Amino acid sequence: MRAVGHNQEAKAVRGIARWTTMAKLPIELVREEMRVVDRDGKEVGPVELVKLGDPDAVTTTGQELPGEPEVPGELAERLLRKGFLKVDDKGLLDRDYYVEADQIEAVEGNVVRLKVERDGLLREV
């Protein structure tokens, strides 16, 4: 009888662990100032802004941020729906990068690892 109780607890614990893992999208773990690297491990820059999205929203009304994202209309709507990171480019031109939520492979410690190369990211206009 005791073994049955133990198995039930184990199933419940496994179920909670599975639920917890599924509940957190990688973007939800990102914080400002974290380092961002592309799929090849090349430095992109630090996170300047994190915007969680609402992919099921019919419109982006109520999701807008003053002045963000600084990309043309349809691209801005896509970023607002999906969620995005704005990554600071410390380069000469200083045109920041935008990372769509689904371009994030993993968040490990203080590092955000992307599924794409830096050249595949949207740039600020």
C-alpha atoms as a PDB file:
ATOM      1  CA  MET A   1       0.000   0.000   0.000  1.00  0.00           C
ATOM      2  CA  ARG A   2       2.850   2.324   0.751  1.00  0.00           C
ATOM      3  CA  ALA A   3       4.415   1.667  -2.663  1.00  0.00           C
ATOM      4  CA  VAL A   4       1.207   2.795  -4.393  1.00  0.00           C
ATOM      5  CA  GLY A   5       1.308   6.112  -2.545  1.00  0.00           C
ATOM      6  CA  HIS A   6       4.966   6.563  -3.468  1.00  0.00           C
ATOM      7  CA  ASN A   7       4.231   5.923  -7.165  1.00  0.00           C
ATOM      8  CA  GLN A   8       1.359   8.392  -7.124  1.00  0.00           C
ATOM      9  CA  GLU A   9       3.598  11.067  -5.611  1.00  0.00           C
ATOM     10  CA  ALA A  10       6.273  10.357  -8.197  1.00  0.00           C
ATOM     11  CA  LYS A  11       3.755  10.750 -11.018  1.00  0.00           C
ATOM     12  CA  ALA A  12       2.463  13.977  -9.509  1.00  0.00           C
ATOM     13  CA  VAL A  13       5.981  15.340  -9.096  1.00  0.00           C
ATOM     14  CA  ARG A  14       6.870  14.391 -12.671  1.00  0.00           C
ATOM     15  CA  GLY A  15       3.650  16.028 -13.866  1.00  0.00           C
ATOM     16  CA  ILE A  16       4.471  19.258 -12.031  1.00  0.00           C
ATOM     17  CA  ALA A  17       8.010  19.274 -13.401  1.00  0.00           C
ATOM     18  CA  ARG A  18       6.684  18.743 -16.918  1.00  0.00           C
ATOM     19  CA  TRP A  19       4.104  21.510 -16.490  1.00  0.00           C
ATOM     20  CA  THR A  20       6.670  23.915 -15.042  1.00  0.00           C
ATOM     21  CA  THR A  21       9.030  23.292 -17.957  1.00  0.00           C
ATOM     22  CA  MET A  22       6.269  23.851 -20.506  1.00  0.00           C
ATOM     23  CA  ALA A  23       4.909  26.956 -18.764  1.00  0.00           C
ATOM     24  CA  LYS A  24       8.080  29.014 -19.205  1.00  0.00           C
ATOM     25  CA  LEU A  25       8.940  30.193 -22.682  1.00  0.00           C
ATOM     26  CA  PRO A  26      12.596  31.150 -23.103  1.00  0.00           C
ATOM     27  CA  ILE A  27      11.697  34.846 -23.488  1.00  0.00           C
ATOM     28  CA  GLU A  28      10.093  34.777 -20.028  1.00  0.00           C
ATOM     29  CA  LEU A  29      13.509  34.007 -18.512  1.00  0.00           C
ATOM     30  CA  VAL A  30      15.292  36.929 -20.196  1.00  0.00           C
ATOM     31  CA  ARG A  31      16.204  40.058 -18.252  1.00  0.00           C
ATOM     32  CA  GLU A  32      17.751  43.360 -19.291  1.00  0.00           C
ATOM     33  CA  GLU A  33      21.562  43.406 -19.503  1.00  0.00           C
ATOM     34  CA  MET A  34      21.829  39.656 -20.241  1.00  0.00           C
ATOM     35  CA  ARG A  35      24.351  38.783 -22.972  1.00  0.00           C
ATOM     36  CA  VAL A  36      22.964  37.638 -26.330  1.00  0.00           C
ATOM     37  CA  VAL A  37      24.929  35.305 -28.627  1.00  0.00           C
ATOM     38  CA  ASP A  38      23.898  34.002 -32.026  1.00  0.00           C
ATOM     39  CA  ARG A  39      23.759  30.323 -33.020  1.00  0.00           C
ATOM     40  CA  ASP A  40      27.481  30.366 -33.818  1.00  0.00           C
ATOM     41  CA  GLY A  41      28.323  31.793 -30.382  1.00  0.00           C
ATOM     42  CA  LYS A  42      29.144  35.268 -31.745  1.00  0.00           C
ATOM     43  CA  GLU A  43      28.338  38.141 -29.423  1.00  0.00           C
ATOM     44  CA  VAL A  44      25.299  40.204 -30.492  1.00  0.00           C
ATOM     45  CA  GLY A  45      25.107  42.542 -27.482  1.00  0.00           C
ATOM     46  CA  PRO A  46      23.295  43.083 -24.192  1.00  0.00           C
ATOM     47  CA  VAL A  47      19.505  42.973 -23.846  1.00  0.00           C
ATOM     48  CA  GLU A  48      18.148  46.506 -23.704  1.00  0.00           C
ATOM     49  CA  LEU A  49      14.418  45.694 -23.601  1.00  0.00           C
ATOM     50  CA  VAL A  50      12.190  42.629 -23.131  1.00  0.00           C
ATOM     51  CA  LYS A  51       8.616  42.738 -24.482  1.00  0.00           C
ATOM     52  CA  LEU A  52       6.416  39.696 -23.932  1.00  0.00           C
ATOM     53  CA  GLY A  53       3.884  39.164 -26.700  1.00  0.00           C
ATOM     54  CA  ASP A  54       0.371  37.863 -27.087  1.00  0.00           C
ATOM     55  CA  PRO A  55       0.321  35.650 -30.211  1.00  0.00           C
ATOM     56  CA  ASP A  56      -3.422  35.015 -29.860  1.00  0.00           C
ATOM     57  CA  ALA A  57      -4.361  38.726 -29.864  1.00  0.00           C
ATOM     58  CA  VAL A  58      -6.532  39.887 -32.742  1.00  0.00           C
ATOM     59  CA  THR A  59      -4.816  43.303 -32.798  1.00  0.00           C
ATOM     60  CA  THR A  60      -1.794  44.892 -31.172  1.00  0.00           C
ATOM     61  CA  THR A  61      -3.967  47.542 -29.499  1.00  0.00           C
ATOM     62  CA  GLY A  62      -2.831  47.929 -25.906  1.00  0.00           C
ATOM     63  CA  GLN A  63       0.498  46.199 -26.570  1.00  0.00           C
ATOM     64  CA  GLU A  64       2.296  49.208 -28.030  1.00  0.00           C
ATOM     65  CA  LEU A  65       5.365  50.722 -26.404  1.00  0.00           C
ATOM     66  CA  PRO A  66       6.257  54.384 -27.016  1.00  0.00           C
ATOM     67  CA  GLY A  67       8.745  54.403 -29.891  1.00  0.00           C
ATOM     68  CA  GLU A  68       9.189  50.610 -29.979  1.00  0.00           C
ATOM     69  CA  PRO A  69       9.825  48.606 -32.000  1.00  0.00           C
ATOM     70  CA  GLU A  70      11.556  50.904 -34.476  1.00  0.00           C
ATOM     71  CA  VAL A  71      10.779  48.869 -37.610  1.00  0.00           C
ATOM     72  CA  PRO A  72       8.164  49.306 -40.402  1.00  0.00           C
ATOM     73  CA  GLY A  73       4.435  48.681 -39.617  1.00  0.00           C
ATOM     74  CA  GLU A  74       3.856  44.981 -40.376  1.00  0.00           C
ATOM     75  CA  LEU A  75       7.175  43.986 -38.818  1.00  0.00           C
ATOM     76  CA  ALA A  76       6.348  46.018 -35.698  1.00  0.00           C
ATOM     77  CA  GLU A  77       2.973  44.276 -35.392  1.00  0.00           C
ATOM     78  CA  ARG A  78       4.629  40.866 -35.750  1.00  0.00           C
ATOM     79  CA  LEU A  79       7.163  41.686 -33.027  1.00  0.00           C
ATOM     80  CA  LEU A  80       4.463  42.988 -30.686  1.00  0.00           C
ATOM     81  CA  ARG A  81       2.364  39.836 -31.185  1.00  0.00           C
ATOM     82  CA  LYS A  82       5.221  37.336 -30.812  1.00  0.00           C
ATOM     83  CA  GLY A  83       7.213  39.226 -28.202  1.00  0.00           C
ATOM     84  CA  PHE A  84      10.763  40.448 -28.727  1.00  0.00           C
ATOM     85  CA  LEU A  85      14.098  41.479 -27.301  1.00  0.00           C
ATOM     86  CA  LYS A  86      15.831  44.687 -28.268  1.00  0.00           C
ATOM     87  CA  VAL A  87      19.575  44.092 -28.235  1.00  0.00           C
ATOM     88  CA  ASP A  88      22.009  46.979 -28.012  1.00  0.00           C
ATOM     89  CA  ASP A  89      24.516  47.250 -30.862  1.00  0.00           C
ATOM     90  CA  LYS A  90      27.604  49.023 -29.599  1.00  0.00           C
ATOM     91  CA  GLY A  91      28.924  49.345 -33.150  1.00  0.00           C
ATOM     92  CA  LEU A  92      29.721  52.450 -35.140  1.00  0.00           C
ATOM     93  CA  LEU A  93      26.214  52.806 -36.634  1.00  0.00           C
ATOM     94  CA  ASP A  94      24.498  51.789 -33.379  1.00  0.00           C
ATOM     95  CA  ARG A  95      21.408  50.298 -35.087  1.00  0.00           C
ATOM     96  CA  ASP A  96      20.046  47.929 -32.485  1.00  0.00           C
ATOM     97  CA  TYR A  97      18.827  44.398 -33.199  1.00  0.00           C
ATOM     98  CA  TYR A  98      15.376  42.910 -32.618  1.00  0.00           C
ATOM     99  CA  VAL A  99      15.084  39.234 -31.673  1.00  0.00           C
ATOM    100  CA  GLU A 100      11.686  37.594 -32.141  1.00  0.00           C
ATOM    101  CA  ALA A 101      10.639  35.386 -29.224  1.00  0.00           C
ATOM    102  CA  ASP A 102      10.748  32.245 -31.379  1.00  0.00           C
ATOM    103  CA  GLN A 103      14.360  32.971 -32.391  1.00  0.00           C
ATOM    104  CA  ILE A 104      15.526  32.255 -28.827  1.00  0.00           C
ATOM    105  CA  GLU A 105      17.030  28.785 -28.476  1.00  0.00           C
ATOM    106  CA  ALA A 106      17.785  28.859 -24.749  1.00  0.00           C
ATOM    107  CA  VAL A 107      18.555  30.998 -21.725  1.00  0.00           C
ATOM    108  CA  GLU A 108      21.496  29.682 -19.728  1.00  0.00           C
ATOM    109  CA  GLY A 109      22.697  31.673 -16.741  1.00  0.00           C
ATOM    110  CA  ASN A 110      23.253  35.237 -17.968  1.00  0.00           C
ATOM    111  CA  VAL A 111      23.360  34.259 -21.664  1.00  0.00           C
ATOM    112  CA  VAL A 112      20.579  34.210 -24.264  1.00  0.00           C
ATOM    113  CA  ARG A 113      21.458  31.794 -27.087  1.00  0.00           C
ATOM    114  CA  LEU A 114      19.718  32.307 -30.438  1.00  0.00           C
ATOM    115  CA  LYS A 115      18.624  29.851 -33.149  1.00  0.00           C
ATOM    116  CA  VAL A 116      19.774  32.245 -35.882  1.00  0.00           C
ATOM    117  CA  GLU A 117      22.889  34.127 -36.955  1.00  0.00           C
ATOM    118  CA  ARG A 118      23.241  37.798 -36.073  1.00  0.00           C
ATOM    119  CA  ASP A 119      22.834  38.708 -39.776  1.00  0.00           C
ATOM    120  CA  GLY A 120      19.348  37.130 -39.731  1.00  0.00           C
ATOM    121  CA  LEU A 121      18.007  39.546 -37.092  1.00  0.00           C
ATOM    122  CA  LEU A 122      15.842  42.594 -37.761  1.00  0.00           C
ATOM    123  CA  ARG A 123      17.632  45.927 -37.409  1.00  0.00           C
ATOM    124  CA  GLU A 124      16.328  49.190 -36.052  1.00  0.00           C
ATOM    125  CA  VAL A 125      15.515  51.781 -38.755  1.00  0.00           C
END
